[in-house]
Amino acid sequence: MMATIFGMAVGGWMSGWIYDLTGSYAAAFMNGIAWNLVNLVAIGLLMWKARRSLAAA
């Protein structure tokens, strides 16, 4: 939950900062997509580990 709140607090600021640096929101969208991919990988690893634990039990 803490990571979610941190992401919401920093995400808007970071997107604005990226826009100021590049003059476009394209890089900010790519940043958001990259973080979502990190989340998907984390969820996938957790599910894989849980399934391995259930299969071993």
PDB file of N, CA and C in Angstrom:
ATOM      1  N   MET A   1       0.823  -1.187   0.000  1.00  0.00           N
ATOM      2  CA  MET A   1       0.000   0.000   0.000  1.00  0.00           C
ATOM      3  C   MET A   1       0.875   1.261   0.000  1.00  0.00           C
ATOM      4  N   MET A   2       1.956   1.197   0.733  1.00  0.00           N
ATOM      5  CA  MET A   2       2.845   2.352   0.806  1.00  0.00           C
ATOM      6  C   MET A   2       3.440   2.678  -0.566  1.00  0.00           C
ATOM      7  N   ALA A   3       3.803   1.645  -1.325  1.00  0.00           N
ATOM      8  CA  ALA A   3       4.368   1.877  -2.658  1.00  0.00           C
ATOM      9  C   ALA A   3       3.337   2.515  -3.584  1.00  0.00           C
ATOM     10  N   THR A   4       2.073   2.135  -3.441  1.00  0.00           N
ATOM     11  CA  THR A   4       1.008   2.717  -4.259  1.00  0.00           C
ATOM     12  C   THR A   4       0.860   4.200  -3.970  1.00  0.00           C
ATOM     13  N   ILE A   5       0.833   4.543  -2.705  1.00  0.00           N
ATOM     14  CA  ILE A   5       0.702   5.950  -2.310  1.00  0.00           C
ATOM     15  C   ILE A   5       1.917   6.745  -2.779  1.00  0.00           C
ATOM     16  N   PHE A   6       3.097   6.169  -2.627  1.00  0.00           N
ATOM     17  CA  PHE A   6       4.314   6.836  -3.089  1.00  0.00           C
ATOM     18  C   PHE A   6       4.263   7.054  -4.601  1.00  0.00           C
ATOM     19  N   GLY A   7       3.824   6.035  -5.340  1.00  0.00           N
ATOM     20  CA  GLY A   7       3.724   6.152  -6.796  1.00  0.00           C
ATOM     21  C   GLY A   7       2.756   7.233  -7.226  1.00  0.00           C
ATOM     22  N   MET A   8       1.619   7.321  -6.540  1.00  0.00           N
ATOM     23  CA  MET A   8       0.643   8.365  -6.879  1.00  0.00           C
ATOM     24  C   MET A   8       1.184   9.749  -6.538  1.00  0.00           C
ATOM     25  N   ALA A   9       1.940   9.844  -5.460  1.00  0.00           N
ATOM     26  CA  ALA A   9       2.480  11.138  -5.050  1.00  0.00           C
ATOM     27  C   ALA A   9       3.582  11.606  -5.992  1.00  0.00           C
ATOM     28  N   VAL A  10       4.419  10.697  -6.425  1.00  0.00           N
ATOM     29  CA  VAL A  10       5.577  11.059  -7.239  1.00  0.00           C
ATOM     30  C   VAL A  10       5.260  11.045  -8.734  1.00  0.00           C
ATOM     31  N   GLY A  11       4.298  10.224  -9.153  1.00  0.00           N
ATOM     32  CA  GLY A  11       4.018  10.044 -10.577  1.00  0.00           C
ATOM     33  C   GLY A  11       3.667  11.319 -11.314  1.00  0.00           C
ATOM     34  N   GLY A  12       2.774  12.104 -10.765  1.00  0.00           N
ATOM     35  CA  GLY A  12       2.386  13.354 -11.419  1.00  0.00           C
ATOM     36  C   GLY A  12       3.534  14.344 -11.497  1.00  0.00           C
ATOM     37  N   TRP A  13       4.276  14.443 -10.424  1.00  0.00           N
ATOM     38  CA  TRP A  13       5.423  15.347 -10.397  1.00  0.00           C
ATOM     39  C   TRP A  13       6.475  14.896 -11.404  1.00  0.00           C
ATOM     40  N   MET A  14       6.745  13.595 -11.434  1.00  0.00           N
ATOM     41  CA  MET A  14       7.766  13.070 -12.334  1.00  0.00           C
ATOM     42  C   MET A  14       7.371  13.272 -13.800  1.00  0.00           C
ATOM     43  N   SER A  15       6.102  13.080 -14.110  1.00  0.00           N
ATOM     44  CA  SER A  15       5.639  13.286 -15.486  1.00  0.00           C
ATOM     45  C   SER A  15       5.806  14.740 -15.899  1.00  0.00           C
ATOM     46  N   GLY A  16       5.500  15.660 -15.008  1.00  0.00           N
ATOM     47  CA  GLY A  16       5.702  17.080 -15.293  1.00  0.00           C
ATOM     48  C   GLY A  16       7.162  17.420 -15.499  1.00  0.00           C
ATOM     49  N   TRP A  17       8.018  16.823 -14.694  1.00  0.00           N
ATOM     50  CA  TRP A  17       9.458  17.055 -14.804  1.00  0.00           C
ATOM     51  C   TRP A  17       9.976  16.525 -16.139  1.00  0.00           C
ATOM     52  N   ILE A  18       9.512  15.319 -16.519  1.00  0.00           N
ATOM     53  CA  ILE A  18       9.923  14.746 -17.802  1.00  0.00           C
ATOM     54  C   ILE A  18       9.425  15.622 -18.952  1.00  0.00           C
ATOM     55  N   TYR A  19       8.194  16.126 -18.845  1.00  0.00           N
ATOM     56  CA  TYR A  19       7.662  17.019 -19.882  1.00  0.00           C
ATOM     57  C   TYR A  19       8.514  18.285 -19.983  1.00  0.00           C
ATOM     58  N   ASP A  20       8.893  18.856 -18.844  1.00  0.00           N
ATOM     59  CA  ASP A  20       9.726  20.058 -18.857  1.00  0.00           C
ATOM     60  C   ASP A  20      11.072  19.793 -19.520  1.00  0.00           C
ATOM     61  N   LEU A  21      11.630  18.612 -19.310  1.00  0.00           N
ATOM     62  CA  LEU A  21      12.928  18.282 -19.908  1.00  0.00           C
ATOM     63  C   LEU A  21      12.832  18.030 -21.408  1.00  0.00           C
ATOM     64  N   THR A  22      11.768  17.345 -21.832  1.00  0.00           N
ATOM     65  CA  THR A  22      11.687  16.898 -23.224  1.00  0.00           C
ATOM     66  C   THR A  22      10.734  17.718 -24.080  1.00  0.00           C
ATOM     67  N   GLY A  23       9.779  18.417 -23.463  1.00  0.00           N
ATOM     68  CA  GLY A  23       8.786  19.164 -24.221  1.00  0.00           C
ATOM     69  C   GLY A  23       7.683  18.288 -24.792  1.00  0.00           C
ATOM     70  N   SER A  24       7.620  17.045 -24.339  1.00  0.00           N
ATOM     71  CA  SER A  24       6.631  16.100 -24.847  1.00  0.00           C
ATOM     72  C   SER A  24       6.246  15.136 -23.729  1.00  0.00           C
ATOM     73  N   TYR A  25       5.023  14.641 -23.815  1.00  0.00           N
ATOM     74  CA  TYR A  25       4.579  13.647 -22.842  1.00  0.00           C
ATOM     75  C   TYR A  25       4.931  12.224 -23.261  1.00  0.00           C
ATOM     76  N   ALA A  26       5.520  12.042 -24.436  1.00  0.00           N
ATOM     77  CA  ALA A  26       5.848  10.697 -24.919  1.00  0.00           C
ATOM     78  C   ALA A  26       6.777   9.973 -23.946  1.00  0.00           C
ATOM     79  N   ALA A  27       7.810  10.642 -23.474  1.00  0.00           N
ATOM     80  CA  ALA A  27       8.742  10.013 -22.539  1.00  0.00           C
ATOM     81  C   ALA A  27       8.064   9.730 -21.201  1.00  0.00           C
ATOM     82  N   ALA A  28       7.152  10.600 -20.787  1.00  0.00           N
ATOM     83  CA  ALA A  28       6.426  10.371 -19.534  1.00  0.00           C
ATOM     84  C   ALA A  28       5.531   9.139 -19.653  1.00  0.00           C
ATOM     85  N   PHE A  29       4.878   8.972 -20.810  1.00  0.00           N
ATOM     86  CA  PHE A  29       4.065   7.770 -21.021  1.00  0.00           C
ATOM     87  C   PHE A  29       4.941   6.525 -21.028  1.00  0.00           C
ATOM     88  N   MET A  30       6.101   6.609 -21.657  1.00  0.00           N
ATOM     89  CA  MET A  30       7.019   5.471 -21.666  1.00  0.00           C
ATOM     90  C   MET A  30       7.482   5.135 -20.254  1.00  0.00           C
ATOM     91  N   ASN A  31       7.699   6.140 -19.442  1.00  0.00           N
ATOM     92  CA  ASN A  31       8.070   5.933 -18.048  1.00  0.00           C
ATOM     93  C   ASN A  31       6.956   5.187 -17.313  1.00  0.00           C
ATOM     94  N   GLY A  32       5.721   5.604 -17.524  1.00  0.00           N
ATOM     95  CA  GLY A  32       4.594   4.924 -16.894  1.00  0.00           C
ATOM     96  C   GLY A  32       4.453   3.489 -17.352  1.00  0.00           C
ATOM     97  N   ILE A  33       4.635   3.262 -18.649  1.00  0.00           N
ATOM     98  CA  ILE A  33       4.559   1.901 -19.183  1.00  0.00           C
ATOM     99  C   ILE A  33       5.664   1.037 -18.591  1.00  0.00           C
ATOM    100  N   ALA A  34       6.864   1.591 -18.473  1.00  0.00           N
ATOM    101  CA  ALA A  34       7.979   0.828 -17.903  1.00  0.00           C
ATOM    102  C   ALA A  34       7.683   0.409 -16.468  1.00  0.00           C
ATOM    103  N   TRP A  35       7.134   1.317 -15.663  1.00  0.00           N
ATOM    104  CA  TRP A  35       6.813   0.963 -14.276  1.00  0.00           C
ATOM    105  C   TRP A  35       5.699  -0.074 -14.210  1.00  0.00           C
ATOM    106  N   ASN A  36       4.748  -0.011 -15.129  1.00  0.00           N
ATOM    107  CA  ASN A  36       3.705  -1.038 -15.173  1.00  0.00           C
ATOM    108  C   ASN A  36       4.286  -2.392 -15.551  1.00  0.00           C
ATOM    109  N   LEU A  37       5.265  -2.416 -16.436  1.00  0.00           N
ATOM    110  CA  LEU A  37       5.925  -3.675 -16.771  1.00  0.00           C
ATOM    111  C   LEU A  37       6.670  -4.242 -15.568  1.00  0.00           C
ATOM    112  N   VAL A  38       7.304  -3.376 -14.790  1.00  0.00           N
ATOM    113  CA  VAL A  38       7.960  -3.830 -13.555  1.00  0.00           C
ATOM    114  C   VAL A  38       6.932  -4.464 -12.622  1.00  0.00           C
ATOM    115  N   ASN A  39       5.763  -3.842 -12.499  1.00  0.00           N
ATOM    116  CA  ASN A  39       4.701  -4.409 -11.659  1.00  0.00           C
ATOM    117  C   ASN A  39       4.243  -5.764 -12.173  1.00  0.00           C
ATOM    118  N   LEU A  40       4.073  -5.901 -13.482  1.00  0.00           N
ATOM    119  CA  LEU A  40       3.644  -7.175 -14.053  1.00  0.00           C
ATOM    120  C   LEU A  40       4.668  -8.277 -13.809  1.00  0.00           C
ATOM    121  N   VAL A  41       5.939  -7.945 -13.920  1.00  0.00           N
ATOM    122  CA  VAL A  41       6.988  -8.928 -13.642  1.00  0.00           C
ATOM    123  C   VAL A  41       6.948  -9.341 -12.174  1.00  0.00           C
ATOM    124  N   ALA A  42       6.778  -8.387 -11.280  1.00  0.00           N
ATOM    125  CA  ALA A  42       6.706  -8.706  -9.849  1.00  0.00           C
ATOM    126  C   ALA A  42       5.513  -9.614  -9.549  1.00  0.00           C
ATOM    127  N   ILE A  43       4.364  -9.318 -10.136  1.00  0.00           N
ATOM    128  CA  ILE A  43       3.177 -10.154  -9.930  1.00  0.00           C
ATOM    129  C   ILE A  43       3.416 -11.547 -10.498  1.00  0.00           C
ATOM    130  N   GLY A  44       4.005 -11.617 -11.672  1.00  0.00           N
ATOM    131  CA  GLY A  44       4.304 -12.912 -12.280  1.00  0.00           C
ATOM    132  C   GLY A  44       5.230 -13.751 -11.419  1.00  0.00           C
ATOM    133  N   LEU A  45       6.259 -13.129 -10.869  1.00  0.00           N
ATOM    134  CA  LEU A  45       7.182 -13.860  -9.997  1.00  0.00           C
ATOM    135  C   LEU A  45       6.492 -14.339  -8.725  1.00  0.00           C
ATOM    136  N   LEU A  46       5.647 -13.511  -8.152  1.00  0.00           N
ATOM    137  CA  LEU A  46       4.920 -13.919  -6.948  1.00  0.00           C
ATOM    138  C   LEU A  46       3.973 -15.080  -7.239  1.00  0.00           C
ATOM    139  N   MET A  47       3.292 -15.032  -8.373  1.00  0.00           N
ATOM    140  CA  MET A  47       2.380 -16.121  -8.734  1.00  0.00           C
ATOM    141  C   MET A  47       3.152 -17.408  -9.010  1.00  0.00           C
ATOM    142  N   TRP A  48       4.275 -17.299  -9.681  1.00  0.00           N
ATOM    143  CA  TRP A  48       5.101 -18.463  -9.980  1.00  0.00           C
ATOM    144  C   TRP A  48       5.598 -19.107  -8.688  1.00  0.00           C
ATOM    145  N   LYS A  49       6.057 -18.277  -7.757  1.00  0.00           N
ATOM    146  CA  LYS A  49       6.553 -18.790  -6.477  1.00  0.00           C
ATOM    147  C   LYS A  49       5.421 -19.447  -5.688  1.00  0.00           C
ATOM    148  N   ALA A  50       4.244 -18.856  -5.692  1.00  0.00           N
ATOM    149  CA  ALA A  50       3.106 -19.424  -4.964  1.00  0.00           C
ATOM    150  C   ALA A  50       2.701 -20.768  -5.562  1.00  0.00           C
ATOM    151  N   ARG A  51       2.695 -20.872  -6.868  1.00  0.00           N
ATOM    152  CA  ARG A  51       2.335 -22.144  -7.512  1.00  0.00           C
ATOM    153  C   ARG A  51       3.367 -23.223  -7.222  1.00  0.00           C
ATOM    154  N   ARG A  52       4.638 -22.855  -7.189  1.00  0.00           N
ATOM    155  CA  ARG A  52       5.686 -23.830  -6.851  1.00  0.00           C
ATOM    156  C   ARG A  52       5.526 -24.308  -5.424  1.00  0.00           C
ATOM    157  N   SER A  53       5.185 -23.400  -4.518  1.00  0.00           N
ATOM    158  CA  SER A  53       4.993 -23.776  -3.113  1.00  0.00           C
ATOM    159  C   SER A  53       3.804 -24.717  -2.960  1.00  0.00           C
ATOM    160  N   LEU A  54       2.720 -24.450  -3.682  1.00  0.00           N
ATOM    161  CA  LEU A  54       1.540 -25.315  -3.604  1.00  0.00           C
ATOM    162  C   LEU A  54       1.816 -26.688  -4.206  1.00  0.00           C
ATOM    163  N   ALA A  55       2.586 -26.730  -5.278  1.00  0.00           N
ATOM    164  CA  ALA A  55       2.900 -28.005  -5.920  1.00  0.00           C
ATOM    165  C   ALA A  55       3.809 -28.858  -5.040  1.00  0.00           C
ATOM    166  N   ALA A  56       4.686 -28.219  -4.278  1.00  0.00           N
ATOM    167  CA  ALA A  56       5.607 -28.952  -3.406  1.00  0.00           C
ATOM    168  C   ALA A  56       4.915 -29.455  -2.149  1.00  0.00           C
ATOM    169  N   ALA A  57       3.809 -28.843  -1.780  1.00  0.00           N
ATOM    170  CA  ALA A  57       3.126 -29.218  -0.527  1.00  0.00           C
ATOM    171  C   ALA A  57       2.298 -30.464  -0.650  1.00  0.00           C
TER     172      ALA A  57
END
